């Protein structure tokens, strides 16, 4: 009987996927491919988020402060 390869090891949040069940349903090679693509996409998204956060903090110094809002006085009774 052929030996089944080990379950794909993934970091968070991909470690919550039941990879062993996926291997049973769609096969080891397909599961490995999906895991690889998911890792690459997750890395790209995380890089983009980091870049946007870095740009966002740099832009704050160039923005003018928000104007103060006048308080509305309550009507006299």
PDB file of N, CA and C in Angstrom:
ATOM      1  N   UNK A   1       0.844  -1.179   0.000  1.00  0.00           N
ATOM      2  CA  UNK A   1       0.000   0.000   0.000  1.00  0.00           C
ATOM      3  C   UNK A   1       0.893   1.247   0.000  1.00  0.00           C
ATOM      4  N   UNK A   2       0.650   2.218  -0.903  1.00  0.00           N
ATOM      5  CA  UNK A   2       1.479   3.423  -0.953  1.00  0.00           C
ATOM      6  C   UNK A   2       1.292   4.279   0.298  1.00  0.00           C
ATOM      7  N   UNK A   3       2.391   4.902   0.703  1.00  0.00           N
ATOM      8  CA  UNK A   3       2.357   5.765   1.879  1.00  0.00           C
ATOM      9  C   UNK A   3       1.786   7.125   1.515  1.00  0.00           C
ATOM     10  N   UNK A   4       0.912   7.610   2.350  1.00  0.00           N
ATOM     11  CA  UNK A   4       0.306   8.914   2.120  1.00  0.00           C
ATOM     12  C   UNK A   4       1.257  10.000   2.610  1.00  0.00           C
ATOM     13  N   UNK A   5       1.473  11.055   1.803  1.00  0.00           N
ATOM     14  CA  UNK A   5       2.342  12.144   2.242  1.00  0.00           C
ATOM     15  C   UNK A   5       1.744  12.858   3.445  1.00  0.00           C
ATOM     16  N   UNK A   6       2.586  13.562   4.179  1.00  0.00           N
ATOM     17  CA  UNK A   6       2.125  14.293   5.354  1.00  0.00           C
ATOM     18  C   UNK A   6       1.191  15.427   4.982  1.00  0.00           C
ATOM     19  N   UNK A   7       0.467  15.881   5.960  1.00  0.00           N
ATOM     20  CA  UNK A   7      -0.471  16.980   5.772  1.00  0.00           C
ATOM     21  C   UNK A   7       0.318  18.261   5.549  1.00  0.00           C
ATOM     22  N   UNK A   8      -0.183  19.108   4.682  1.00  0.00           N
ATOM     23  CA  UNK A   8       0.458  20.381   4.369  1.00  0.00           C
ATOM     24  C   UNK A   8       0.559  21.217   5.636  1.00  0.00           C
ATOM     25  N   UNK A   9       1.731  21.785   5.898  1.00  0.00           N
ATOM     26  CA  UNK A   9       1.911  22.652   7.063  1.00  0.00           C
ATOM     27  C   UNK A   9       1.790  24.103   6.622  1.00  0.00           C
ATOM     28  N   UNK A  10       0.914  24.814   7.282  1.00  0.00           N
ATOM     29  CA  UNK A  10       0.660  26.211   6.938  1.00  0.00           C
ATOM     30  C   UNK A  10       0.708  27.060   8.199  1.00  0.00           C
ATOM     31  N   UNK A  11       1.071  28.301   8.023  1.00  0.00           N
ATOM     32  CA  UNK A  11       1.019  29.256   9.125  1.00  0.00           C
ATOM     33  C   UNK A  11      -0.375  29.857   9.218  1.00  0.00           C
ATOM     34  N   UNK A  12      -0.573  30.667  10.225  1.00  0.00           N
ATOM     35  CA  UNK A  12      -1.879  31.307  10.423  1.00  0.00           C
ATOM     36  C   UNK A  12      -2.154  32.255   9.267  1.00  0.00           C
ATOM     37  N   UNK A  13      -3.318  32.424   8.801  1.00  0.00           N
ATOM     38  CA  UNK A  13      -4.571  31.789   9.201  1.00  0.00           C
ATOM     39  C   UNK A  13      -4.867  30.501   8.437  1.00  0.00           C
ATOM     40  N   UNK A  14      -3.952  30.094   7.562  1.00  0.00           N
ATOM     41  CA  UNK A  14      -4.200  28.900   6.744  1.00  0.00           C
ATOM     42  C   UNK A  14      -4.119  27.611   7.541  1.00  0.00           C
ATOM     43  N   UNK A  15      -3.594  27.668   8.750  1.00  0.00           N
ATOM     44  CA  UNK A  15      -3.504  26.453   9.567  1.00  0.00           C
ATOM     45  C   UNK A  15      -4.869  26.001  10.074  1.00  0.00           C
ATOM     46  N   UNK A  16      -5.880  26.839   9.904  1.00  0.00           N
ATOM     47  CA  UNK A  16      -7.237  26.463  10.340  1.00  0.00           C
ATOM     48  C   UNK A  16      -7.982  25.648   9.285  1.00  0.00           C
ATOM     49  N   UNK A  17      -7.411  25.534   8.093  1.00  0.00           N
ATOM     50  CA  UNK A  17      -8.031  24.746   7.020  1.00  0.00           C
ATOM     51  C   UNK A  17      -7.793  23.268   7.298  1.00  0.00           C
ATOM     52  N   UNK A  18      -8.816  22.435   7.171  1.00  0.00           N
ATOM     53  CA  UNK A  18      -8.628  20.988   7.388  1.00  0.00           C
ATOM     54  C   UNK A  18      -7.960  20.333   6.171  1.00  0.00           C
ATOM     55  N   UNK A  19      -6.649  20.511   6.073  1.00  0.00           N
ATOM     56  CA  UNK A  19      -5.917  20.039   4.896  1.00  0.00           C
ATOM     57  C   UNK A  19      -6.009  18.534   4.711  1.00  0.00           C
ATOM     58  N   UNK A  20      -6.073  17.769   5.799  1.00  0.00           N
ATOM     59  CA  UNK A  20      -6.166  16.316   5.665  1.00  0.00           C
ATOM     60  C   UNK A  20      -7.476  15.905   4.992  1.00  0.00           C
ATOM     61  N   UNK A  21      -8.570  16.600   5.312  1.00  0.00           N
ATOM     62  CA  UNK A  21      -9.848  16.306   4.661  1.00  0.00           C
ATOM     63  C   UNK A  21      -9.809  16.718   3.188  1.00  0.00           C
ATOM     64  N   UNK A  22      -9.163  17.846   2.914  1.00  0.00           N
ATOM     65  CA  UNK A  22      -9.043  18.291   1.522  1.00  0.00           C
ATOM     66  C   UNK A  22      -8.247  17.273   0.709  1.00  0.00           C
ATOM     67  N   UNK A  23      -7.181  16.724   1.287  1.00  0.00           N
ATOM     68  CA  UNK A  23      -6.392  15.709   0.582  1.00  0.00           C
ATOM     69  C   UNK A  23      -7.246  14.489   0.265  1.00  0.00           C
ATOM     70  N   UNK A  24      -8.086  14.095   1.209  1.00  0.00           N
ATOM     71  CA  UNK A  24      -8.960  12.936   0.982  1.00  0.00           C
ATOM     72  C   UNK A  24      -9.960  13.207  -0.141  1.00  0.00           C
ATOM     73  N   UNK A  25     -10.477  14.438  -0.204  1.00  0.00           N
ATOM     74  CA  UNK A  25     -11.533  14.754  -1.170  1.00  0.00           C
ATOM     75  C   UNK A  25     -11.005  15.060  -2.568  1.00  0.00           C
ATOM     76  N   UNK A  26      -9.923  15.847  -2.667  1.00  0.00           N
ATOM     77  CA  UNK A  26      -9.494  16.297  -3.994  1.00  0.00           C
ATOM     78  C   UNK A  26      -8.092  15.846  -4.373  1.00  0.00           C
ATOM     79  N   UNK A  27      -7.420  15.152  -3.480  1.00  0.00           N
ATOM     80  CA  UNK A  27      -6.103  14.618  -3.802  1.00  0.00           C
ATOM     81  C   UNK A  27      -4.969  15.462  -3.246  1.00  0.00           C
ATOM     82  N   UNK A  28      -3.849  14.808  -3.078  1.00  0.00           N
ATOM     83  CA  UNK A  28      -2.682  15.433  -2.457  1.00  0.00           C
ATOM     84  C   UNK A  28      -2.093  16.515  -3.352  1.00  0.00           C
ATOM     85  N   UNK A  29      -1.930  16.234  -4.641  1.00  0.00           N
ATOM     86  CA  UNK A  29      -1.298  17.206  -5.542  1.00  0.00           C
ATOM     87  C   UNK A  29      -2.120  18.484  -5.663  1.00  0.00           C
ATOM     88  N   UNK A  30      -3.432  18.331  -5.789  1.00  0.00           N
ATOM     89  CA  UNK A  30      -4.303  19.507  -5.909  1.00  0.00           C
ATOM     90  C   UNK A  30      -4.288  20.301  -4.614  1.00  0.00           C
ATOM     91  N   UNK A  31      -4.323  19.609  -3.488  1.00  0.00           N
ATOM     92  CA  UNK A  31      -4.291  20.284  -2.189  1.00  0.00           C
ATOM     93  C   UNK A  31      -2.981  21.039  -2.006  1.00  0.00           C
ATOM     94  N   UNK A  32      -1.874  20.439  -2.393  1.00  0.00           N
ATOM     95  CA  UNK A  32      -0.583  21.115  -2.290  1.00  0.00           C
ATOM     96  C   UNK A  32      -0.552  22.366  -3.166  1.00  0.00           C
ATOM     97  N   UNK A  33      -1.105  22.268  -4.368  1.00  0.00           N
ATOM     98  CA  UNK A  33      -1.153  23.426  -5.260  1.00  0.00           C
ATOM     99  C   UNK A  33      -2.013  24.537  -4.663  1.00  0.00           C
ATOM    100  N   UNK A  34      -3.170  24.186  -4.148  1.00  0.00           N
ATOM    101  CA  UNK A  34      -4.049  25.182  -3.525  1.00  0.00           C
ATOM    102  C   UNK A  34      -3.342  25.837  -2.334  1.00  0.00           C
ATOM    103  N   UNK A  35      -2.659  25.039  -1.537  1.00  0.00           N
ATOM    104  CA  UNK A  35      -1.927  25.584  -0.390  1.00  0.00           C
ATOM    105  C   UNK A  35      -0.827  26.539  -0.807  1.00  0.00           C
ATOM    106  N   UNK A  36      -0.100  26.182  -1.855  1.00  0.00           N
ATOM    107  CA  UNK A  36       0.971  27.046  -2.362  1.00  0.00           C
ATOM    108  C   UNK A  36       0.413  28.370  -2.884  1.00  0.00           C
ATOM    109  N   UNK A  37      -0.653  28.300  -3.669  1.00  0.00           N
ATOM    110  CA  UNK A  37      -1.275  29.514  -4.205  1.00  0.00           C
ATOM    111  C   UNK A  37      -1.827  30.370  -3.059  1.00  0.00           C
ATOM    112  N   UNK A  38      -2.443  29.736  -2.084  1.00  0.00           N
ATOM    113  CA  UNK A  38      -2.975  30.481  -0.941  1.00  0.00           C
ATOM    114  C   UNK A  38      -1.864  31.201  -0.186  1.00  0.00           C
ATOM    115  N   UNK A  39      -0.721  30.542  -0.006  1.00  0.00           N
ATOM    116  CA  UNK A  39       0.422  31.169   0.678  1.00  0.00           C
ATOM    117  C   UNK A  39       0.930  32.383  -0.086  1.00  0.00           C
ATOM    118  N   UNK A  40       1.049  32.245  -1.409  1.00  0.00           N
ATOM    119  CA  UNK A  40       1.538  33.349  -2.239  1.00  0.00           C
ATOM    120  C   UNK A  40       0.555  34.519  -2.197  1.00  0.00           C
ATOM    121  N   UNK A  41      -0.733  34.239  -2.343  1.00  0.00           N
ATOM    122  CA  UNK A  41      -1.743  35.300  -2.296  1.00  0.00           C
ATOM    123  C   UNK A  41      -1.783  35.983  -0.936  1.00  0.00           C
ATOM    124  N   UNK A  42      -1.710  35.209   0.123  1.00  0.00           N
ATOM    125  CA  UNK A  42      -1.720  35.778   1.466  1.00  0.00           C
ATOM    126  C   UNK A  42      -0.514  36.688   1.676  1.00  0.00           C
ATOM    127  N   UNK A  43       0.648  36.262   1.217  1.00  0.00           N
ATOM    128  CA  UNK A  43       1.841  37.095   1.338  1.00  0.00           C
ATOM    129  C   UNK A  43       1.705  38.398   0.564  1.00  0.00           C
ATOM    130  N   UNK A  44       1.138  38.328  -0.643  1.00  0.00           N
ATOM    131  CA  UNK A  44       0.951  39.531  -1.460  1.00  0.00           C
ATOM    132  C   UNK A  44      -0.029  40.493  -0.800  1.00  0.00           C
ATOM    133  N   UNK A  45      -1.099  39.966  -0.248  1.00  0.00           N
ATOM    134  CA  UNK A  45      -2.091  40.814   0.419  1.00  0.00           C
ATOM    135  C   UNK A  45      -1.480  41.458   1.662  1.00  0.00           C
ATOM    136  N   UNK A  46      -0.736  40.690   2.444  1.00  0.00           N
ATOM    137  CA  UNK A  46      -0.105  41.254   3.636  1.00  0.00           C
ATOM    138  C   UNK A  46       0.909  42.335   3.269  1.00  0.00           C
ATOM    139  N   UNK A  47       1.668  42.138   2.194  1.00  0.00           N
ATOM    140  CA  UNK A  47       2.609  43.166   1.733  1.00  0.00           C
ATOM    141  C   UNK A  47       1.879  44.438   1.327  1.00  0.00           C
ATOM    142  N   UNK A  48       0.771  44.290   0.627  1.00  0.00           N
ATOM    143  CA  UNK A  48      -0.014  45.455   0.194  1.00  0.00           C
ATOM    144  C   UNK A  48      -0.587  46.202   1.385  1.00  0.00           C
ATOM    145  N   UNK A  49      -1.073  45.474   2.379  1.00  0.00           N
ATOM    146  CA  UNK A  49      -1.613  46.119   3.581  1.00  0.00           C
ATOM    147  C   UNK A  49      -0.512  46.886   4.295  1.00  0.00           C
ATOM    148  N   UNK A  50       0.665  46.278   4.424  1.00  0.00           N
ATOM    149  CA  UNK A  50       1.787  46.978   5.070  1.00  0.00           C
ATOM    150  C   UNK A  50       2.149  48.253   4.310  1.00  0.00           C
ATOM    151  N   UNK A  51       2.171  48.179   2.987  1.00  0.00           N
ATOM    152  CA  UNK A  51       2.510  49.346   2.171  1.00  0.00           C
ATOM    153  C   UNK A  51       1.473  50.446   2.340  1.00  0.00           C
ATOM    154  N   UNK A  52       0.204  50.092   2.375  1.00  0.00           N
ATOM    155  CA  UNK A  52      -0.851  51.085   2.552  1.00  0.00           C
ATOM    156  C   UNK A  52      -0.789  51.713   3.931  1.00  0.00           C
ATOM    157  N   UNK A  53      -0.484  50.910   4.952  1.00  0.00           N
ATOM    158  CA  UNK A  53      -0.361  51.460   6.304  1.00  0.00           C
ATOM    159  C   UNK A  53       0.813  52.422   6.383  1.00  0.00           C
ATOM    160  N   UNK A  54       1.923  52.085   5.744  1.00  0.00           N
ATOM    161  CA  UNK A  54       3.093  52.963   5.754  1.00  0.00           C
ATOM    162  C   UNK A  54       2.788  54.264   5.024  1.00  0.00           C
ATOM    163  N   UNK A  55       2.083  54.192   3.909  1.00  0.00           N
ATOM    164  CA  UNK A  55       1.704  55.398   3.175  1.00  0.00           C
ATOM    165  C   UNK A  55       0.719  56.236   3.987  1.00  0.00           C
ATOM    166  N   UNK A  56      -0.184  55.571   4.674  1.00  0.00           N
ATOM    167  CA  UNK A  56      -1.207  56.277   5.451  1.00  0.00           C
ATOM    168  C   UNK A  56      -0.615  57.083   6.585  1.00  0.00           C
ATOM    169  N   UNK A  57       0.387  56.563   7.260  1.00  0.00           N
ATOM    170  CA  UNK A  57       0.987  57.301   8.366  1.00  0.00           C
ATOM    171  C   UNK A  57       1.855  58.432   7.848  1.00  0.00           C
ATOM    172  N   UNK A  58       2.445  58.297   6.680  1.00  0.00           N
ATOM    173  CA  UNK A  58       3.268  59.354   6.110  1.00  0.00           C
ATOM    174  C   UNK A  58       2.435  60.526   5.621  1.00  0.00           C
ATOM    175  N   UNK A  59       1.216  60.276   5.171  1.00  0.00           N
ATOM    176  CA  UNK A  59       0.359  61.330   4.646  1.00  0.00           C
ATOM    177  C   UNK A  59      -0.248  62.199   5.738  1.00  0.00           C
ATOM    178  N   UNK A  60      -0.325  61.707   6.951  1.00  0.00           N
ATOM    179  CA  UNK A  60      -0.996  62.453   8.015  1.00  0.00           C
ATOM    180  C   UNK A  60      -0.326  63.790   8.310  1.00  0.00           C
ATOM    181  N   UNK A  61       0.991  63.864   8.202  1.00  0.00           N
ATOM    182  CA  UNK A  61       1.676  65.111   8.507  1.00  0.00           C
ATOM    183  C   UNK A  61       1.360  66.184   7.470  1.00  0.00           C
ATOM    184  N   UNK A  62       0.996  65.795   6.265  1.00  0.00           N
ATOM    185  CA  UNK A  62       0.692  66.759   5.222  1.00  0.00           C
ATOM    186  C   UNK A  62      -0.749  67.227   5.265  1.00  0.00           C
ATOM    187  N   UNK A  63      -1.594  66.537   5.975  1.00  0.00           N
ATOM    188  CA  UNK A  63      -3.000  66.898   6.035  1.00  0.00           C
ATOM    189  C   UNK A  63      -3.206  68.039   7.016  1.00  0.00           C
ATOM    190  N   UNK A  64      -4.144  68.914   6.698  1.00  0.00           N
ATOM    191  CA  UNK A  64      -4.448  69.988   7.643  1.00  0.00           C
ATOM    192  C   UNK A  64      -5.305  69.409   8.762  1.00  0.00           C
ATOM    193  N   UNK A  65      -5.197  69.971   9.961  1.00  0.00           N
ATOM    194  CA  UNK A  65      -6.008  69.441  11.056  1.00  0.00           C
ATOM    195  C   UNK A  65      -7.492  69.666  10.789  1.00  0.00           C
ATOM    196  N   UNK A  66      -8.299  68.799  11.332  1.00  0.00           N
ATOM    197  CA  UNK A  66      -9.740  68.903  11.139  1.00  0.00           C
ATOM    198  C   UNK A  66     -10.250  70.169  11.825  1.00  0.00           C
ATOM    199  N   UNK A  67     -11.158  70.898  11.170  1.00  0.00           N
ATOM    200  CA  UNK A  67     -11.690  72.119  11.805  1.00  0.00           C
ATOM    201  C   UNK A  67     -12.520  71.747  13.028  1.00  0.00           C
ATOM    202  N   UNK A  68     -12.502  72.655  14.013  1.00  0.00           N
ATOM    203  CA  UNK A  68     -13.307  72.424  15.209  1.00  0.00           C
ATOM    204  C   UNK A  68     -14.769  72.670  14.877  1.00  0.00           C
ATOM    205  N   UNK A  69     -15.604  71.818  15.399  1.00  0.00           N
ATOM    206  CA  UNK A  69     -17.029  71.970  15.139  1.00  0.00           C
ATOM    207  C   UNK A  69     -17.624  72.836  16.233  1.00  0.00           C
ATOM    208  N   UNK A  70     -18.431  73.808  15.836  1.00  0.00           N
ATOM    209  CA  UNK A  70     -19.090  74.666  16.820  1.00  0.00           C
ATOM    210  C   UNK A  70     -20.129  73.856  17.572  1.00  0.00           C
ATOM    211  N   UNK A  71     -20.210  74.145  18.855  1.00  0.00           N
ATOM    212  CA  UNK A  71     -21.229  73.478  19.653  1.00  0.00           C
ATOM    213  C   UNK A  71     -22.542  74.198  19.466  1.00  0.00           C
ATOM    214  N   UNK A  72     -23.601  73.443  19.427  1.00  0.00           N
ATOM    215  CA  UNK A  72     -24.932  74.021  19.308  1.00  0.00           C
ATOM    216  C   UNK A  72     -25.484  74.182  20.712  1.00  0.00           C
ATOM    217  N   UNK A  73     -25.842  75.387  21.042  1.00  0.00           N
ATOM    218  CA  UNK A  73     -26.368  75.648  22.387  1.00  0.00           C
ATOM    219  C   UNK A  73     -27.764  75.082  22.501  1.00  0.00           C
ATOM    220  N   UNK A  74     -28.047  74.531  23.662  1.00  0.00           N
ATOM    221  CA  UNK A  74     -29.385  73.995  23.922  1.00  0.00           C
ATOM    222  C   UNK A  74     -30.350  75.173  24.082  1.00  0.00           C
ATOM    223  N   UNK A  75     -31.549  75.029  23.567  1.00  0.00           N
ATOM    224  CA  UNK A  75     -32.515  76.136  23.703  1.00  0.00           C
ATOM    225  C   UNK A  75     -32.844  76.404  25.169  1.00  0.00           C
ATOM    226  N   UNK A  76     -33.003  77.684  25.496  1.00  0.00           N
ATOM    227  CA  UNK A  76     -33.346  78.057  26.881  1.00  0.00           C
ATOM    228  C   UNK A  76     -34.772  77.679  27.155  1.00  0.00           C
ATOM    229  N   UNK A  77     -35.032  77.190  28.366  1.00  0.00           N
ATOM    230  CA  UNK A  77     -36.414  76.809  28.688  1.00  0.00           C
ATOM    231  C   UNK A  77     -37.115  77.881  29.451  1.00  0.00           C
TER     232      UNK A  77
END
